[in-house]
Protein backbone atom coordinates (compact mmCIF):
# COMPACT_ATOMS: atom_id res chain seq x y z
CA MET A 1 -40.99 -174.58 148.77
CA LYS A 2 -38.09 -172.52 147.44
CA LYS A 3 -36.82 -169.59 149.43
CA ILE A 4 -37.74 -166.34 147.66
CA GLU A 5 -35.02 -163.73 147.22
CA LYS A 6 -35.65 -160.52 149.13
CA GLU A 7 -35.74 -158.26 146.01
CA HIS A 8 -38.12 -160.66 144.22
CA LYS A 9 -40.37 -160.82 147.27
CA GLU A 10 -40.51 -157.03 147.48
CA LYS A 11 -41.45 -156.84 143.80
CA ILE A 12 -44.25 -159.40 144.30
CA MET A 13 -45.54 -157.59 147.38
CA ASP A 14 -45.49 -154.27 145.49
CA MET A 15 -47.50 -155.86 142.64
CA LEU A 16 -50.04 -157.25 145.10
CA LYS A 17 -50.33 -153.87 146.81
CA LYS A 18 -51.03 -152.18 143.45
CA ALA A 19 -53.47 -154.94 142.45
CA GLY A 20 -55.47 -154.26 145.61
CA ASP A 21 -55.68 -150.51 144.95
CA PRO A 22 -58.57 -150.12 142.46
CA GLU A 23 -58.65 -146.34 142.83
CA ASN A 24 -55.18 -145.81 141.33
CA TYR A 25 -54.46 -149.00 139.39
CA GLU A 26 -56.26 -151.23 136.92
CA THR A 27 -55.35 -154.92 137.17
CA SER A 28 -55.97 -157.68 134.67
CA TRP A 29 -55.70 -161.37 135.48
CA ASP A 30 -54.96 -164.38 133.29
CA GLU A 31 -56.93 -167.67 133.18
CA GLY A 32 -54.75 -169.21 135.89
CA GLY A 33 -55.60 -166.46 138.38
CA MET A 34 -52.18 -164.82 138.10
CA ILE A 35 -51.68 -161.08 137.71
CA HIS A 36 -51.37 -160.33 134.00
CA LYS A 37 -50.97 -156.53 133.94
CA ILE A 38 -51.12 -153.68 136.39
CA LYS A 39 -51.60 -150.26 134.83
CA SER A 40 -51.61 -146.90 136.56
CA LYS A 41 -54.90 -145.10 135.86
CA GLU A 42 -52.94 -141.87 135.30
CA LYS A 43 -50.88 -143.55 132.57
CA ILE A 44 -54.03 -145.01 130.99
CA LYS A 45 -55.53 -141.51 130.88
CA SER A 46 -52.38 -139.89 129.44
CA GLY A 47 -52.10 -142.69 126.84
CA GLY A 48 -55.63 -141.97 125.69
CA LYS A 49 -54.82 -138.27 125.35
CA SER A 50 -51.66 -139.06 123.38
CA ARG A 51 -53.55 -141.34 120.98
CA ALA A 52 -56.22 -138.67 120.45
CA ALA A 53 -53.57 -135.99 119.79
CA GLY A 54 -51.85 -138.32 117.31
CA SER A 55 -55.13 -138.93 115.48
CA ARG A 56 -55.84 -135.19 115.28
CA PHE A 57 -52.34 -134.56 113.90
CA GLU A 58 -52.83 -137.34 111.34
CA LEU A 59 -56.01 -135.61 110.07
CA PHE A 60 -54.15 -132.29 109.98
CA VAL A 61 -51.39 -133.84 107.82
CA ARG A 62 -53.98 -135.40 105.52
CA GLU A 63 -55.72 -132.05 105.00
CA ASP A 64 -52.36 -130.34 104.34
CA LEU A 65 -51.37 -132.85 101.65
CA GLU A 66 -54.81 -132.60 100.02
CA LYS A 67 -54.42 -128.80 99.88
CA LYS A 68 -51.15 -129.38 98.02
CA GLY A 69 -53.07 -131.24 95.30
CA ARG A 70 -52.29 -134.81 96.31
CA ILE A 71 -54.87 -137.61 96.55
CA ILE A 72 -54.60 -139.26 99.98
CA SER A 73 -55.85 -142.63 101.16
CA LYS A 74 -55.23 -144.76 104.25
CA TRP A 75 -52.70 -147.47 103.47
CA GLY A 76 -54.36 -150.79 104.31
CA ASN A 77 -51.27 -153.00 104.13
CA ASN A 78 -48.35 -153.87 106.34
CA ILE A 79 -45.18 -155.91 105.98
CA ASP A 80 -44.36 -159.24 107.56
CA LEU A 81 -40.57 -158.89 107.74
CA GLU A 82 -40.09 -162.55 108.73
CA LYS A 83 -41.97 -163.84 105.67
CA ASP A 84 -40.67 -160.95 103.52
CA LYS A 85 -44.07 -160.14 102.04
CA LEU A 86 -46.83 -157.56 101.98
CA ILE A 87 -49.88 -158.48 104.09
CA PRO A 88 -53.24 -156.83 104.79
CA ALA A 89 -53.16 -154.68 107.92
CA ARG A 90 -54.95 -156.21 110.85
CA ARG A 91 -58.26 -154.80 111.88
CA LYS A 92 -58.88 -153.64 115.43
CA PHE A 93 -62.30 -153.76 117.06
CA ASN A 94 -63.12 -151.84 120.22
CA PRO A 95 -66.07 -153.65 121.86
CA PHE A 96 -66.83 -150.72 124.17
CA SER A 97 -67.21 -148.04 121.51
CA LYS A 98 -68.30 -150.55 118.81
CA ILE A 99 -65.70 -149.14 116.38
CA LEU A 100 -63.81 -151.18 113.80
CA THR A 101 -60.48 -149.61 112.84
CA ILE A 102 -59.33 -150.76 109.43
CA GLY A 103 -56.43 -148.51 108.48
CA THR A 104 -53.71 -149.64 110.87
CA GLY A 105 -51.12 -150.25 108.18
CA PHE A 106 -47.63 -148.92 107.71
CA PRO A 107 -47.11 -146.24 106.45
CA ASP A 108 -50.19 -144.28 107.47
CA PHE A 109 -51.08 -142.89 104.04
CA ILE A 110 -50.50 -143.43 100.34
CA SER A 111 -50.28 -140.17 98.43
CA ILE A 112 -50.80 -139.95 94.67
CA GLN A 113 -50.31 -136.97 92.37
CA HIS A 114 -50.73 -136.82 88.60
CA ILE A 115 -47.55 -135.57 86.94
CA HIS A 116 -48.38 -135.77 83.19
CA ASP A 117 -50.01 -138.19 80.74
CA GLU A 118 -49.87 -141.58 82.49
CA VAL A 119 -47.13 -140.68 84.99
CA TYR A 120 -47.99 -140.46 88.69
CA SER A 121 -46.00 -139.73 91.83
CA VAL A 122 -46.78 -142.38 94.47
CA ILE A 123 -45.34 -141.79 97.94
CA GLY A 124 -45.91 -143.23 101.39
CA VAL A 125 -46.48 -140.88 104.33
CA GLU A 126 -45.82 -141.90 107.93
CA VAL A 127 -47.10 -139.46 110.55
CA LYS A 128 -45.06 -139.17 113.76
CA MET A 129 -45.51 -136.33 116.24
CA ASN A 130 -41.78 -136.32 117.04
CA GLY A 131 -40.56 -137.55 113.63
CA ILE A 132 -38.62 -140.53 115.03
CA LEU A 133 -39.09 -143.99 113.53
CA SER A 134 -38.47 -147.23 115.41
CA LYS A 135 -35.94 -149.77 114.15
CA GLU A 136 -38.73 -151.96 112.73
CA GLU A 137 -40.34 -148.99 110.96
CA LYS A 138 -37.00 -148.10 109.34
CA GLU A 139 -36.66 -151.67 108.09
CA LYS A 140 -40.18 -151.51 106.64
CA CYS A 141 -39.41 -148.22 104.86
CA ARG A 142 -36.28 -149.73 103.31
CA TRP A 143 -38.34 -152.77 102.23
CA TYR A 144 -40.88 -150.56 100.41
CA LEU A 145 -38.19 -148.46 98.71
CA ASN A 146 -36.06 -151.46 97.64
CA ARG A 147 -39.09 -153.05 95.96
CA LYS A 148 -40.10 -149.70 94.41
CA ILE A 149 -43.61 -149.83 95.88
CA PHE A 150 -43.21 -146.12 96.76
CA SER A 151 -40.94 -143.68 94.95
CA LYS A 152 -40.22 -142.10 98.34
CA ILE A 153 -41.51 -142.13 101.90
CA LEU A 154 -42.14 -138.90 103.78
CA ILE A 155 -42.14 -138.63 107.56
CA ALA A 156 -44.49 -135.89 108.76
CA LYS A 157 -43.77 -134.34 112.17
CA LYS A 158 -44.86 -131.30 114.10
CA GLY A 159 -42.89 -128.16 113.30
CA ASP A 160 -41.48 -125.62 115.73
CA LYS A 161 -44.31 -123.15 115.15
CA ARG A 162 -47.92 -123.90 116.00
CA GLY A 163 -49.74 -125.51 113.07
CA GLU A 164 -46.54 -126.16 111.13
CA ILE A 165 -45.79 -129.56 109.59
CA GLU A 166 -42.27 -130.64 108.62
CA TYR A 167 -41.87 -133.33 105.95
CA THR A 168 -38.64 -135.34 105.92
CA ASP A 169 -37.67 -137.69 103.11
CA PHE A 170 -36.76 -141.08 104.62
CA SER A 171 -33.94 -141.68 102.11
CA GLU A 172 -32.27 -138.35 102.91
CA ARG A 173 -32.43 -138.80 106.66
CA TYR A 174 -31.70 -142.50 107.18
CA THR A 175 -29.44 -143.55 104.29
């Protein structure tokens, strides 16, 4: 058997110690009986709170845009950058709460407003609490704009004052 390096051994022992501590850590195992993931229960709890806060903010943005006279709908598509094509967003099912989430596309919303006659303004809206997009999200925004699927993409983030929403045009900020 190979000699295990001291640092690697300490890492393995630390993982085993965490795996054996069900009060503070949640451990998942793969089919081969190896440790798959060890998550701190505190981080699991804070992640749940963050997701809930993000969902509430998303609803707040939706209501704000509807008050401004725009028609809002969840965007049910995503982009496969490798295949360079638009695909349906994947659906997520939570077996514990028996909830099927359909709208997990990018951007979060499609916003439509009648301008005049048969002319409409169609924009994408991505909701981010901090207003920062990942590299992949920036590439997806460029993809949509280059193909003229959206006339512009807005990034909604929390403002400095309580209850304030700041909208940033993707093209102005990132190009």
